[in-house]
N, C-alpha and C. Protein backbone atom coordinates (compact mmCIF):
# COMPACT_ATOMS: atom_id res chain seq x y z
N UNK A 1 0.84 -1.40 -0.09
CA UNK A 1 -0.05 0.20 -0.23
C UNK A 1 0.89 1.22 -0.19
N UNK A 2 1.93 1.20 0.66
CA UNK A 2 3.09 2.55 0.71
C UNK A 2 3.49 2.83 -0.36
N UNK A 3 4.04 1.57 -0.88
CA UNK A 3 4.68 1.61 -2.72
C UNK A 3 3.64 2.27 -3.51
N UNK A 4 2.42 2.23 -3.32
CA UNK A 4 1.38 2.23 -4.18
C UNK A 4 1.25 3.93 -3.64
N UNK A 5 1.09 4.29 -2.71
CA UNK A 5 0.99 6.06 -2.36
C UNK A 5 2.28 6.59 -2.89
N UNK A 6 3.44 5.77 -2.62
CA UNK A 6 4.71 6.50 -3.24
C UNK A 6 4.91 6.64 -4.18
N UNK A 7 4.13 5.78 -5.12
CA UNK A 7 4.26 5.69 -6.81
C UNK A 7 3.01 6.83 -7.27
N UNK A 8 2.10 6.82 -6.71
CA UNK A 8 1.17 8.14 -7.01
C UNK A 8 1.89 9.41 -6.90
N UNK A 9 2.28 9.64 -5.64
CA UNK A 9 2.85 11.13 -5.50
C UNK A 9 3.63 11.35 -6.32
N UNK A 10 4.83 10.75 -6.70
CA UNK A 10 5.78 10.67 -7.49
C UNK A 10 5.25 10.90 -9.00
N UNK A 11 4.32 10.60 -9.42
CA UNK A 11 3.40 11.06 -10.54
C UNK A 11 2.74 11.97 -10.87
N UNK A 12 2.12 12.39 -9.34
CA UNK A 12 1.62 13.67 -9.37
C UNK A 12 2.83 14.73 -9.32
N UNK A 13 4.11 15.02 -8.62
CA UNK A 13 5.20 15.41 -8.89
C UNK A 13 5.72 15.92 -10.37
N UNK A 14 5.66 14.72 -10.81
CA UNK A 14 6.11 14.70 -12.43
C UNK A 14 4.99 15.32 -13.37
N UNK A 15 3.52 15.00 -12.76
CA UNK A 15 2.88 16.04 -13.91
C UNK A 15 2.82 17.70 -13.64
N UNK A 16 3.22 18.22 -12.23
CA UNK A 16 3.41 19.33 -12.07
C UNK A 16 4.63 19.82 -12.21
N UNK A 17 5.62 19.08 -12.41
CA UNK A 17 7.23 19.54 -13.07
C UNK A 17 6.62 19.75 -14.56
N UNK A 18 6.17 18.75 -15.32
CA UNK A 18 5.92 19.07 -16.94
C UNK A 18 5.30 20.20 -16.81
N UNK A 19 4.31 20.52 -15.91
CA UNK A 19 3.21 21.49 -16.63
C UNK A 19 3.70 23.03 -16.32
N UNK A 20 4.82 22.97 -14.81
CA UNK A 20 5.28 24.20 -14.57
C UNK A 20 6.48 24.26 -15.83
N UNK A 21 6.99 23.38 -16.28
CA UNK A 21 7.63 23.21 -17.31
C UNK A 21 7.92 24.00 -18.65
N UNK A 22 5.84 23.58 -19.16
CA UNK A 22 5.19 24.53 -20.05
C UNK A 22 5.00 25.41 -19.84
N UNK A 23 5.04 26.27 -18.64
CA UNK A 23 4.46 27.41 -18.58
C UNK A 23 4.91 28.40 -19.47
N UNK A 24 4.56 29.51 -19.66
CA UNK A 24 5.12 30.05 -20.66
C UNK A 24 4.79 31.95 -20.45
N UNK A 25 5.85 32.83 -20.09
CA UNK A 25 4.82 33.98 -20.00
C UNK A 25 5.45 35.20 -21.20
N UNK A 26 4.87 35.81 -21.59
CA UNK A 26 4.58 36.83 -22.64
C UNK A 26 5.75 37.94 -22.09
N UNK A 27 7.26 38.30 -22.53
CA UNK A 27 7.87 39.73 -22.07
C UNK A 27 8.28 40.22 -23.34
N UNK A 28 7.37 41.81 -23.00
CA UNK A 28 7.62 42.75 -24.28
C UNK A 28 8.69 43.63 -23.59
N UNK A 29 9.35 44.00 -24.04
CA UNK A 29 10.60 44.87 -24.03
C UNK A 29 10.23 46.21 -23.96
N UNK A 30 10.10 46.73 -22.62
CA UNK A 30 9.37 48.37 -22.72
C UNK A 30 9.81 48.63 -21.00
N UNK A 31 10.04 50.48 -21.21
CA UNK A 31 10.68 51.11 -22.05
C UNK A 31 11.93 50.04 -23.03
N UNK A 32 11.92 50.33 -23.93
CA UNK A 32 13.38 50.20 -24.90
C UNK A 32 14.62 51.19 -24.28
N UNK A 33 15.77 49.77 -24.10
CA UNK A 33 17.08 50.66 -23.53
C UNK A 33 17.82 51.12 -25.05
N UNK A 34 18.63 52.15 -24.88
CA UNK A 34 19.63 52.10 -25.94
C UNK A 34 20.33 50.85 -26.59
N UNK A 35 20.23 49.65 -25.51
CA UNK A 35 20.83 48.53 -25.99
C UNK A 35 20.12 47.43 -26.89
N UNK A 36 18.69 47.93 -26.52
CA UNK A 36 17.36 46.95 -26.96
C UNK A 36 17.28 47.71 -28.61
N UNK A 37 17.53 49.24 -28.30
CA UNK A 37 17.24 49.98 -29.68
C UNK A 37 18.36 49.31 -30.88
N UNK A 38 19.90 49.60 -30.08
CA UNK A 38 20.91 48.62 -31.07
C UNK A 38 21.08 47.41 -31.71
N UNK A 39 20.26 46.44 -30.48
CA UNK A 39 20.34 45.18 -31.27
C UNK A 39 18.75 44.84 -32.21
N UNK A 40 17.83 45.70 -32.41
CA UNK A 40 16.66 45.80 -33.16
C UNK A 40 17.20 46.36 -34.74
N UNK A 41 18.12 47.17 -34.45
CA UNK A 41 18.44 47.94 -35.60
C UNK A 41 19.77 47.12 -36.46
N UNK A 42 20.34 46.44 -35.56
CA UNK A 42 21.32 45.23 -35.97
C UNK A 42 20.43 44.17 -36.81
N UNK A 43 19.40 43.97 -36.10
CA UNK A 43 18.68 42.77 -36.83
C UNK A 43 17.90 42.79 -37.87
N UNK A 44 17.64 44.43 -38.17
CA UNK A 44 17.02 44.60 -39.48
C UNK A 44 18.23 45.28 -40.45
N UNK A 45 19.44 45.18 -40.24
CA UNK A 45 20.25 45.44 -40.89
C UNK A 45 20.83 43.90 -41.75
N UNK A 46 20.31 42.97 -40.31
CA UNK A 46 20.55 41.38 -41.35
C UNK A 46 19.83 40.94 -42.33
N UNK A 47 18.58 41.96 -42.59
CA UNK A 47 17.68 41.60 -43.33
C UNK A 47 16.40 40.71 -42.69
N UNK A 48 16.17 40.68 -41.00
CA UNK A 48 15.17 40.05 -40.59
C UNK A 48 14.66 41.11 -40.16
N UNK A 49 13.08 40.42 -40.02
CA UNK A 49 12.08 41.05 -39.81
C UNK A 49 11.41 40.74 -38.42
N UNK A 50 11.15 41.71 -37.80
CA UNK A 50 10.53 41.32 -36.53
C UNK A 50 8.86 41.26 -36.16
N UNK A 51 8.14 40.91 -35.39
CA UNK A 51 6.85 40.84 -35.28
C UNK A 51 6.80 39.57 -35.79
N UNK A 52 5.05 39.29 -35.87
CA UNK A 52 4.65 37.89 -35.85
C UNK A 52 3.59 38.20 -37.19
N UNK A 53 3.70 37.68 -38.03
CA UNK A 53 2.55 38.21 -39.70
C UNK A 53 1.42 36.66 -39.13
N UNK A 54 0.49 36.58 -39.74
CA UNK A 54 -0.62 35.33 -39.46
C UNK A 54 -1.65 35.70 -40.50
N UNK A 55 -1.91 34.54 -41.17
CA UNK A 55 -2.97 34.71 -42.51
C UNK A 55 -3.72 33.68 -42.17
N UNK A 56 -5.40 33.49 -42.89
CA UNK A 56 -6.12 32.70 -43.06
C UNK A 56 -5.63 31.37 -44.14
N UNK A 57 -5.27 30.64 -43.27
CA UNK A 57 -4.36 29.10 -43.83
C UNK A 57 -5.19 28.90 -45.06
N UNK A 58 -6.65 28.33 -44.68
CA UNK A 58 -7.61 27.75 -45.33
C UNK A 58 -7.72 28.47 -46.77
N UNK A 59 -8.16 29.76 -46.40
CA UNK A 59 -8.13 30.58 -47.70
C UNK A 59 -7.30 30.83 -48.51
N UNK A 60 -6.04 31.21 -47.99
CA UNK A 60 -4.70 31.28 -49.00
C UNK A 60 -4.39 29.81 -49.46
N UNK A 61 -4.38 28.71 -49.27
CA UNK A 61 -4.54 27.52 -50.18
C UNK A 61 -5.10 27.31 -51.59
N UNK A 62 -6.26 28.46 -51.34
CA UNK A 62 -7.33 28.18 -52.80
C UNK A 62 -7.08 29.30 -53.67
N UNK A 63 -7.18 28.98 -54.78
CA UNK A 63 -6.44 29.57 -55.86
C UNK A 63 -7.67 30.65 -56.60
N UNK A 64 -8.93 30.68 -55.86
CA UNK A 64 -10.38 31.23 -55.66
C UNK A 64 -11.09 31.97 -54.67
N UNK A 65 -11.98 32.60 -54.97
CA UNK A 65 -12.73 33.02 -53.62
C UNK A 65 -12.22 34.33 -52.78
N UNK A 66 -11.71 34.60 -51.99
CA UNK A 66 -11.05 35.69 -51.27
C UNK A 66 -10.04 35.35 -50.39
N UNK A 67 -8.92 36.21 -49.99
CA UNK A 67 -7.40 35.78 -49.55
C UNK A 67 -7.65 35.58 -48.10
N UNK A 68 -8.50 35.87 -47.40
CA UNK A 68 -9.12 35.91 -45.86
C UNK A 68 -8.21 36.81 -45.53
N UNK A 69 -8.49 37.21 -44.37
CA UNK A 69 -7.87 38.27 -42.97
C UNK A 69 -6.15 37.75 -43.00
N UNK A 70 -5.53 38.79 -42.98
CA UNK A 70 -3.98 38.75 -42.41
C UNK A 70 -4.08 39.87 -41.62
N UNK A 71 -2.43 39.32 -40.96
CA UNK A 71 -2.33 40.67 -39.73
C UNK A 71 -0.83 40.76 -39.73
N UNK A 72 -0.29 41.71 -39.23
CA UNK A 72 1.20 41.51 -39.23
C UNK A 72 0.69 42.48 -37.31
N UNK A 73 1.61 41.71 -35.98
CA UNK A 73 2.00 42.18 -34.84
C UNK A 73 3.18 42.55 -34.44
N UNK A 74 3.33 44.18 -34.22
CA UNK A 74 4.36 44.95 -33.73
C UNK A 74 4.74 45.28 -32.39
N UNK A 75 5.52 45.10 -31.52
CA UNK A 75 5.58 45.71 -30.37
C UNK A 75 6.76 46.85 -30.94
N UNK A 76 7.23 47.60 -29.82
CA UNK A 76 7.87 48.92 -29.94
C UNK A 76 9.34 48.46 -30.64
N UNK A 77 9.89 47.14 -29.96
CA UNK A 77 11.08 46.61 -30.55
C UNK A 77 11.12 45.95 -32.19
N UNK A 78 9.40 45.88 -32.43
CA UNK A 78 9.40 45.20 -34.19
C UNK A 78 9.26 46.58 -34.62
N UNK A 79 8.81 47.38 -34.33
CA UNK A 79 8.86 48.78 -35.16
C UNK A 79 9.98 49.02 -35.32
N UNK A 80 10.72 49.04 -34.67
CA UNK A 80 12.35 49.80 -34.82
C UNK A 80 12.86 48.37 -35.51
N UNK A 81 13.05 47.58 -35.15
CA UNK A 81 13.61 46.47 -36.18
C UNK A 81 13.26 46.61 -37.82
N UNK A 82 11.92 46.79 -37.63
CA UNK A 82 11.27 46.78 -39.22
C UNK A 82 11.42 48.08 -39.74
N UNK A 83 11.61 49.18 -38.99
CA UNK A 83 12.43 50.17 -39.75
C UNK A 83 13.71 50.44 -40.50
N UNK A 84 14.49 49.43 -39.83
CA UNK A 84 15.69 49.76 -39.95
C UNK A 84 16.07 48.57 -40.83
N UNK A 85 14.96 47.13 -41.46
CA UNK A 85 15.04 46.16 -42.13
C UNK A 85 14.44 47.33 -43.51
N UNK A 86 13.44 48.36 -43.15
CA UNK A 86 13.05 48.74 -44.77
C UNK A 86 14.10 49.79 -45.31
N UNK A 87 14.97 50.29 -44.27
CA UNK A 87 16.02 51.26 -44.46
C UNK A 87 17.07 50.75 -45.55
N UNK A 88 17.58 49.48 -44.99
CA UNK A 88 18.58 48.49 -45.30
C UNK A 88 17.96 48.21 -46.78
N UNK A 89 16.91 47.36 -46.69
CA UNK A 89 16.13 47.01 -48.23
C UNK A 89 16.58 47.92 -49.23
N UNK A 90 16.31 49.64 -49.00
CA UNK A 90 16.29 50.58 -49.93
C UNK A 90 17.74 51.33 -49.76
N UNK A 91 18.79 50.73 -49.19
CA UNK A 91 20.02 51.01 -49.26
C UNK A 91 20.03 52.38 -48.54
N UNK A 92 19.09 52.49 -47.66
CA UNK A 92 19.37 54.00 -47.16
C UNK A 92 19.97 53.86 -45.35
N UNK A 93 20.55 54.69 -44.88
CA UNK A 93 21.28 54.58 -43.61
C UNK A 93 19.91 54.77 -42.52
N UNK A 94 20.31 54.09 -41.48
CA UNK A 94 19.36 54.08 -40.12
C UNK A 94 20.07 54.00 -39.02
N UNK A 95 19.57 55.01 -38.10
CA UNK A 95 20.79 54.70 -36.79
C UNK A 95 19.74 55.10 -35.57
N UNK A 96 20.17 55.34 -34.40
CA UNK A 96 19.41 55.51 -33.04
C UNK A 96 18.61 56.76 -33.11
N UNK A 97 19.68 57.94 -34.23
CA UNK A 97 18.61 59.21 -34.17
C UNK A 97 17.83 58.86 -35.12
N UNK A 98 17.80 57.99 -35.94
CA UNK A 98 16.25 57.83 -36.68
C UNK A 98 15.28 57.09 -36.29
N UNK A 99 15.17 56.83 -34.92
CA UNK A 99 14.25 56.02 -34.16
C UNK A 99 13.41 57.43 -34.07
N UNK A 100 11.89 56.90 -34.25
CA UNK A 100 10.99 58.07 -33.81
C UNK A 100 10.30 57.89 -32.80
N UNK A 101 9.67 58.81 -32.27
CA UNK A 101 8.98 58.75 -30.70
C UNK A 101 7.88 57.75 -30.94
N UNK A 102 7.38 57.78 -31.99
CA UNK A 102 5.86 57.10 -32.37
C UNK A 102 6.30 55.83 -31.82
N UNK A 103 7.51 55.18 -32.90
CA UNK A 103 8.29 53.59 -32.76
C UNK A 103 8.27 53.38 -31.21
N UNK A 104 8.25 54.29 -30.15
CA UNK A 104 8.59 53.82 -28.97
C UNK A 104 7.70 53.79 -28.18
N UNK A 105 6.09 54.01 -28.30
CA UNK A 105 5.10 54.37 -27.53
C UNK A 105 4.42 53.23 -27.07
N UNK A 106 4.03 52.94 -26.01
CA UNK A 106 3.75 51.80 -25.12
C UNK A 106 2.73 51.20 -25.87
N UNK A 107 2.81 50.88 -26.67
CA UNK A 107 1.16 49.85 -27.34
C UNK A 107 1.83 48.71 -28.47
N UNK A 108 1.21 47.90 -28.85
CA UNK A 108 1.21 46.52 -29.19
C UNK A 108 0.49 47.39 -30.70
N UNK A 109 0.97 47.42 -31.87
CA UNK A 109 0.53 48.09 -33.09
C UNK A 109 0.34 46.35 -33.92
N UNK A 110 -1.29 46.30 -34.35
CA UNK A 110 -1.58 44.94 -35.09
C UNK A 110 -2.01 45.57 -36.50
N UNK A 111 -1.66 45.73 -37.62
CA UNK A 111 -2.26 46.03 -38.72
C UNK A 111 -2.91 44.85 -39.44
N UNK A 112 -4.10 44.79 -39.37
CA UNK A 112 -4.91 43.99 -40.17
C UNK A 112 -5.28 44.41 -41.55
N UNK A 113 -5.29 43.31 -42.27
CA UNK A 113 -5.10 43.39 -43.94
C UNK A 113 -6.54 42.91 -44.39
N UNK A 114 -7.55 43.61 -45.19
CA UNK A 114 -8.78 43.15 -45.10
C UNK A 114 -8.82 41.54 -46.09
N UNK A 115 -10.28 41.05 -46.02
CA UNK A 115 -10.12 39.77 -46.78
C UNK A 115 -10.62 39.86 -47.98
N UNK A 116 -9.39 40.11 -49.06
CA UNK A 116 -9.84 40.48 -50.51
C UNK A 116 -9.95 39.54 -51.59
N UNK A 117 -11.00 39.98 -52.72
CA UNK A 117 -10.82 39.07 -53.45
C UNK A 117 -9.80 38.45 -54.57
N UNK A 118 -9.90 37.36 -54.64
CA UNK A 118 -8.24 36.49 -55.51
C UNK A 118 -8.32 37.14 -56.81
N UNK A 119 -9.56 36.84 -57.50
CA UNK A 119 -9.72 37.23 -58.80
C UNK A 119 -10.47 38.41 -59.08
N UNK A 120 -10.79 39.47 -60.60
CA UNK A 120 -11.52 39.97 -60.45
C UNK A 120 -13.03 39.52 -60.97
N UNK A 121 -12.97 38.31 -60.60
CA UNK A 121 -14.47 37.30 -60.91
C UNK A 121 -15.59 38.07 -59.68
N UNK A 122 -16.96 38.32 -60.34
CA UNK A 122 -18.24 38.65 -58.95
C UNK A 122 -18.30 37.64 -58.09
N UNK A 123 -17.83 36.29 -57.97
CA UNK A 123 -17.87 35.65 -57.25
C UNK A 123 -17.04 35.38 -55.88
N UNK A 124 -15.84 35.83 -56.37
CA UNK A 124 -15.02 36.26 -55.40
C UNK A 124 -15.34 37.66 -54.76
N UNK A 125 -15.84 38.65 -55.38
CA UNK A 125 -15.94 39.78 -54.66
C UNK A 125 -17.22 39.65 -53.50
N UNK A 126 -18.32 38.90 -54.02
CA UNK A 126 -19.03 38.17 -52.78
C UNK A 126 -18.76 37.63 -51.61
N UNK A 127 -17.45 36.87 -51.90
CA UNK A 127 -17.02 36.26 -50.49
C UNK A 127 -16.11 37.00 -49.61
N UNK A 128 -15.79 38.66 -50.56
CA UNK A 128 -14.44 38.86 -49.87
C UNK A 128 -15.46 40.02 -48.83
N UNK A 129 -14.64 40.30 -47.98
CA UNK A 129 -15.21 41.48 -46.56
C UNK A 129 -14.06 42.32 -46.19
N UNK A 130 -14.64 43.58 -45.94
CA UNK A 130 -13.87 44.89 -45.02
C UNK A 130 -13.61 44.11 -43.72
N UNK A 131 -13.17 45.38 -43.01
CA UNK A 131 -13.00 45.19 -41.67
C UNK A 131 -13.71 46.09 -40.67
N UNK A 132 -14.21 45.45 -39.87
CA UNK A 132 -15.13 46.81 -38.55
C UNK A 132 -14.49 46.97 -37.37
N UNK A 133 -13.80 45.87 -37.05
CA UNK A 133 -13.56 45.82 -35.46
C UNK A 133 -12.48 44.73 -35.20
N UNK A 134 -11.82 44.68 -33.92
CA UNK A 134 -10.60 43.95 -33.41
C UNK A 134 -10.34 43.93 -31.93
N UNK A 135 -10.79 42.45 -31.28
CA UNK A 135 -10.76 42.66 -29.88
C UNK A 135 -9.67 41.47 -29.16
N UNK A 136 -9.07 41.38 -28.83
CA UNK A 136 -8.28 40.14 -27.56
C UNK A 136 -9.44 39.54 -26.89
N UNK A 137 -9.28 38.25 -26.88
CA UNK A 137 -9.59 37.76 -26.05
C UNK A 137 -8.48 36.47 -25.27
N UNK A 138 -8.97 36.34 -23.97
CA UNK A 138 -8.20 34.79 -23.32
C UNK A 138 -8.32 33.85 -24.05
N UNK A 139 -8.12 32.53 -23.28
CA UNK A 139 -8.24 31.23 -24.30
C UNK A 139 -9.39 30.78 -23.68
N UNK A 140 -10.06 31.57 -22.90
CA UNK A 140 -11.39 30.70 -22.50
C UNK A 140 -12.43 31.96 -22.74
N UNK A 141 -11.82 32.88 -23.16
CA UNK A 141 -12.80 34.04 -23.85
C UNK A 141 -14.09 34.68 -22.65
N UNK A 142 -13.47 34.63 -21.61
CA UNK A 142 -14.17 35.64 -21.02
C UNK A 142 -13.82 36.99 -20.47
N UNK A 143 -12.23 37.12 -20.70
CA UNK A 143 -11.91 38.33 -20.80
C UNK A 143 -11.75 38.87 -22.29
N UNK A 144 -12.04 40.32 -22.81
CA UNK A 144 -12.52 40.81 -24.11
C UNK A 144 -11.77 41.99 -23.73
N UNK A 145 -11.05 42.31 -24.78
CA UNK A 145 -9.90 43.63 -24.54
C UNK A 145 -10.21 44.49 -26.11
N UNK A 146 -10.96 45.63 -25.82
CA UNK A 146 -11.01 46.56 -27.16
C UNK A 146 -9.77 47.46 -27.00
N UNK A 147 -9.60 47.52 -28.27
CA UNK A 147 -8.59 48.46 -28.70
C UNK A 147 -8.53 49.52 -28.08
N UNK A 148 -7.26 50.46 -27.77
CA UNK A 148 -6.93 51.64 -27.21
C UNK A 148 -7.35 52.89 -28.57
N UNK A 149 -6.63 52.39 -29.96
CA UNK A 149 -6.91 53.09 -31.32
C UNK A 149 -7.47 52.35 -32.23
N UNK A 150 -8.15 52.50 -33.53
CA UNK A 150 -8.22 51.83 -34.36
C UNK A 150 -8.50 52.71 -35.41
N UNK A 151 -7.62 52.77 -36.19
CA UNK A 151 -7.72 53.76 -37.34
C UNK A 151 -8.03 52.77 -38.79
N UNK A 152 -8.79 52.89 -39.72
CA UNK A 152 -9.29 52.09 -40.80
C UNK A 152 -8.57 52.61 -42.10
N UNK A 153 -8.26 51.88 -43.02
CA UNK A 153 -7.59 52.32 -44.05
C UNK A 153 -8.45 51.60 -45.32
N UNK A 154 -8.05 52.13 -46.53
CA UNK A 154 -8.79 51.33 -48.14
C UNK A 154 -7.64 50.68 -48.49
N UNK A 155 -8.30 49.45 -49.04
CA UNK A 155 -7.52 48.90 -50.37
C UNK A 155 -8.75 48.36 -51.32
N UNK A 156 -8.07 48.77 -52.26
CA UNK A 156 -8.67 48.93 -53.38
C UNK A 156 -8.88 47.81 -54.34
N UNK A 157 -9.72 47.12 -54.98
CA UNK A 157 -9.87 46.34 -56.14
C UNK A 157 -10.65 46.11 -57.22
N UNK A 158 -10.50 46.01 -58.07
CA UNK A 158 -10.65 46.31 -59.73
C UNK A 158 -11.79 45.06 -60.16
N UNK A 159 -13.11 45.45 -60.18
CA UNK A 159 -14.06 44.31 -61.16
C UNK A 159 -13.67 44.27 -62.52
N UNK A 160 -14.23 43.10 -63.05
CA UNK A 160 -14.41 42.79 -64.28
C UNK A 160 -14.73 43.97 -64.98
N UNK A 161 -15.68 44.37 -64.96
CA UNK A 161 -16.02 45.67 -65.51
C UNK A 161 -15.81 47.14 -65.25
N UNK A 162 -14.34 46.87 -64.13
CA UNK A 162 -14.08 48.12 -64.28
C UNK A 162 -14.42 48.93 -62.88
N UNK A 163 -15.23 48.50 -62.54
CA UNK A 163 -15.75 48.81 -60.81
C UNK A 163 -14.71 48.74 -60.13
N UNK A 164 -14.29 49.60 -58.90
CA UNK A 164 -13.52 49.56 -57.95
C UNK A 164 -14.39 49.74 -56.82
N UNK A 165 -13.74 48.24 -56.00
CA UNK A 165 -14.29 47.98 -54.74
C UNK A 165 -13.55 48.38 -53.49
N UNK A 166 -13.89 49.10 -52.96
CA UNK A 166 -12.84 49.47 -51.34
C UNK A 166 -13.14 48.47 -50.48
N UNK A 167 -12.55 47.99 -49.48
CA UNK A 167 -12.48 47.12 -48.56
C UNK A 167 -11.72 47.96 -47.77
N UNK A 168 -12.08 47.70 -45.96
CA UNK A 168 -11.32 48.61 -45.21
C UNK A 168 -10.36 47.27 -44.43
N UNK A 169 -9.14 47.67 -44.17
CA UNK A 169 -8.23 47.10 -42.95
C UNK A 169 -8.19 47.84 -41.87
N UNK A 170 -7.26 48.07 -41.03
CA UNK A 170 -7.24 48.67 -39.95
C UNK A 170 -5.83 48.92 -39.09
N UNK A 171 -5.18 49.92 -38.65
CA UNK A 171 -4.12 50.06 -37.92
C UNK A 171 -4.71 50.15 -36.41
N UNK A 172 -4.36 49.12 -35.59
CA UNK A 172 -5.03 48.57 -34.17
C UNK A 172 -4.01 48.51 -33.41
N UNK A 173 -4.32 49.50 -32.43
CA UNK A 173 -3.22 49.46 -31.08
C UNK A 173 -3.85 49.35 -29.72
N UNK A 174 -3.30 48.41 -29.17
CA UNK A 174 -3.56 47.76 -27.50
C UNK A 174 -2.25 47.59 -26.50
N UNK A 175 -2.66 48.31 -25.52
CA UNK A 175 -1.79 48.76 -24.69
C UNK A 175 -0.79 47.86 -24.32
N UNK A 176 0.35 48.03 -24.08
CA UNK A 176 1.42 46.63 -24.08
C UNK A 176 0.74 46.04 -22.40
N UNK A 177 0.15 46.80 -21.55
CA UNK A 177 -0.58 46.25 -20.51
C UNK A 177 -1.65 45.26 -20.25
N UNK A 178 -2.57 45.81 -21.70
CA UNK A 178 -3.41 44.85 -22.02
C UNK A 178 -2.91 43.61 -22.77
N UNK A 179 -1.93 43.70 -23.42
CA UNK A 179 -1.79 42.41 -24.36
C UNK A 179 -0.74 41.59 -22.85
N UNK A 180 -0.39 42.19 -22.11
CA UNK A 180 0.59 41.25 -21.14
C UNK A 180 -1.05 40.31 -20.06
N UNK A 181 -1.92 41.23 -20.22
CA UNK A 181 -2.98 41.00 -19.45
C UNK A 181 -3.21 39.79 -20.04
N UNK A 182 -4.09 39.80 -20.95
CA UNK A 182 -5.20 38.94 -21.79
C UNK A 182 -4.18 37.37 -21.91
N UNK A 183 -2.74 37.77 -22.24
CA UNK A 183 -1.73 36.69 -22.32
C UNK A 183 -1.30 35.85 -20.89
N UNK A 184 -1.51 36.52 -19.80
CA UNK A 184 -1.52 35.99 -18.51
C UNK A 184 -2.78 35.11 -18.12
N UNK A 185 -3.82 35.37 -18.74
CA UNK A 185 -4.97 35.11 -18.28
C UNK A 185 -5.15 33.15 -18.85
N UNK A 186 -4.12 32.99 -19.48
CA UNK A 186 -4.36 31.91 -20.30
C UNK A 186 -4.09 30.45 -19.33
N UNK A 187 -5.36 29.86 -19.38
CA UNK A 187 -5.77 29.05 -18.20
C UNK A 187 -4.99 27.84 -18.07
N UNK A 188 -4.20 27.61 -19.92
CA UNK A 188 -2.97 26.66 -19.63
C UNK A 188 -1.70 26.80 -19.12
N UNK A 189 -1.53 28.30 -19.07
CA UNK A 189 -0.33 29.15 -18.38
C UNK A 189 0.75 28.87 -19.33
N UNK A 190 0.22 28.99 -20.81
CA UNK A 190 1.11 28.93 -22.03
C UNK A 190 1.41 30.46 -22.57
N UNK A 191 0.41 31.02 -22.21
CA UNK A 191 0.64 32.81 -22.31
C UNK A 191 -0.32 33.35 -23.51
N UNK A 192 -0.83 31.90 -24.32
CA UNK A 192 -1.99 32.22 -25.68
C UNK A 192 -3.08 32.80 -25.37
N UNK A 193 -3.42 33.30 -26.41
CA UNK A 193 -4.33 34.26 -26.46
C UNK A 193 -5.32 34.12 -27.75
N UNK A 194 -6.23 35.01 -27.87
CA UNK A 194 -6.85 35.19 -29.12
C UNK A 194 -6.91 36.57 -29.64
N UNK A 195 -6.80 37.08 -31.07
CA UNK A 195 -7.07 38.10 -31.54
C UNK A 195 -8.28 37.86 -32.48
N UNK A 196 -9.52 38.63 -32.34
CA UNK A 196 -10.51 38.17 -33.30
C UNK A 196 -10.97 39.63 -33.85
N UNK A 197 -10.80 39.10 -34.95
CA UNK A 197 -11.14 40.06 -36.12
C UNK A 197 -12.64 40.00 -36.82
N UNK A 198 -13.21 41.02 -36.55
CA UNK A 198 -14.63 40.91 -36.93
C UNK A 198 -15.05 41.94 -38.10
N UNK A 199 -15.27 41.09 -38.94
CA UNK A 199 -15.56 41.73 -40.54
C UNK A 199 -16.95 42.15 -41.13
N UNK A 200 -16.86 42.39 -41.97
CA UNK A 200 -18.54 43.08 -42.67
C UNK A 200 -19.69 42.08 -42.64
N UNK A 201 -19.11 40.64 -42.78
CA UNK A 201 -19.67 39.42 -43.02
C UNK A 201 -19.36 38.47 -41.89
N UNK A 202 -18.17 37.94 -41.53
CA UNK A 202 -17.85 37.12 -40.60
C UNK A 202 -17.21 37.45 -39.75
N UNK A 203 -16.36 36.19 -38.51
CA UNK A 203 -15.60 36.63 -37.56
C UNK A 203 -14.36 35.84 -38.26
N UNK A 204 -13.25 36.44 -37.88
CA UNK A 204 -12.06 35.27 -38.12
C UNK A 204 -11.03 35.25 -36.59
N UNK A 205 -11.24 34.11 -35.94
CA UNK A 205 -9.69 34.38 -34.78
C UNK A 205 -8.50 33.93 -35.51
N UNK A 206 -7.60 34.38 -34.75
CA UNK A 206 -6.14 34.13 -34.88
C UNK A 206 -5.40 33.85 -33.29
N UNK A 207 -4.98 32.81 -33.17
CA UNK A 207 -4.66 32.10 -31.97
C UNK A 207 -3.30 32.74 -31.67
N UNK A 208 -2.73 33.78 -30.85
CA UNK A 208 -1.61 33.57 -30.98
C UNK A 208 -0.59 32.25 -29.89
N UNK A 209 -0.05 31.58 -30.43
CA UNK A 209 0.47 30.44 -29.77
C UNK A 209 1.73 30.55 -29.04
N UNK A 210 2.15 29.51 -28.16
CA UNK A 210 3.30 29.50 -27.36
C UNK A 210 4.43 30.02 -28.15
N UNK A 211 4.31 28.98 -29.04
CA UNK A 211 5.77 29.32 -30.53
C UNK A 211 5.89 30.67 -31.07
N UNK A 212 4.66 31.72 -30.90
CA UNK A 212 4.70 32.87 -31.40
C UNK A 212 5.40 33.62 -30.28
N UNK A 213 5.04 33.53 -29.19
CA UNK A 213 5.35 34.46 -28.21
C UNK A 213 6.89 34.67 -28.24
N UNK A 214 8.28 33.90 -28.45
CA UNK A 214 9.50 34.72 -28.96
C UNK A 214 9.49 35.47 -29.93
N UNK A 215 8.59 35.68 -30.56
CA UNK A 215 8.69 36.90 -31.84
C UNK A 215 8.39 38.26 -31.07
N UNK A 216 7.47 38.11 -30.18
CA UNK A 216 7.00 39.39 -29.95
C UNK A 216 7.72 40.30 -28.98
N UNK A 217 8.66 40.37 -29.10
CA UNK A 217 10.09 41.24 -27.85
C UNK A 217 9.77 42.32 -27.43
């Protein structure tokens, strides 16, 4: 009997050790130090982009219909890195003095691109849709966080008859604290959460998984 109890205790301890090893905390660098900025700039000069790019995998595989929503997620570190990347790509100089105050503001930027028609055919236009709103949700979807700012932009597509149709994308800002808060609420302690994109016709969920967190510096 004692041996059974001992084995049970060992099993429980092993389970909790594995569980704790899997725990993940999202860590976003803020405020950025001079060393952080130099690191981000050097990474951009190495032709590497920072942040997370996600797209609707199912729709992207198909050659017809609509593209599905897609998005970029950028922290202050990512914005500095990508600015250096773009400068390097265009053979321009970029240094610490080129880092703007806007890049360093305490928010996570999510650029959401609309669900665009893939062809000029009317069937594809009927499936496409623009964006209306974006929220964050924890993994149990009990916590919903609205953005601190949302600015729509236009993306055009021309139909076969020459008519131009405009679809809305958006620049969406969430405070760093709100992103950390929704990540910490993951009931599996992996730091995962959802970005819910609300379109004019339907909703698309993007899950930020444990494997993505290392890219949100």
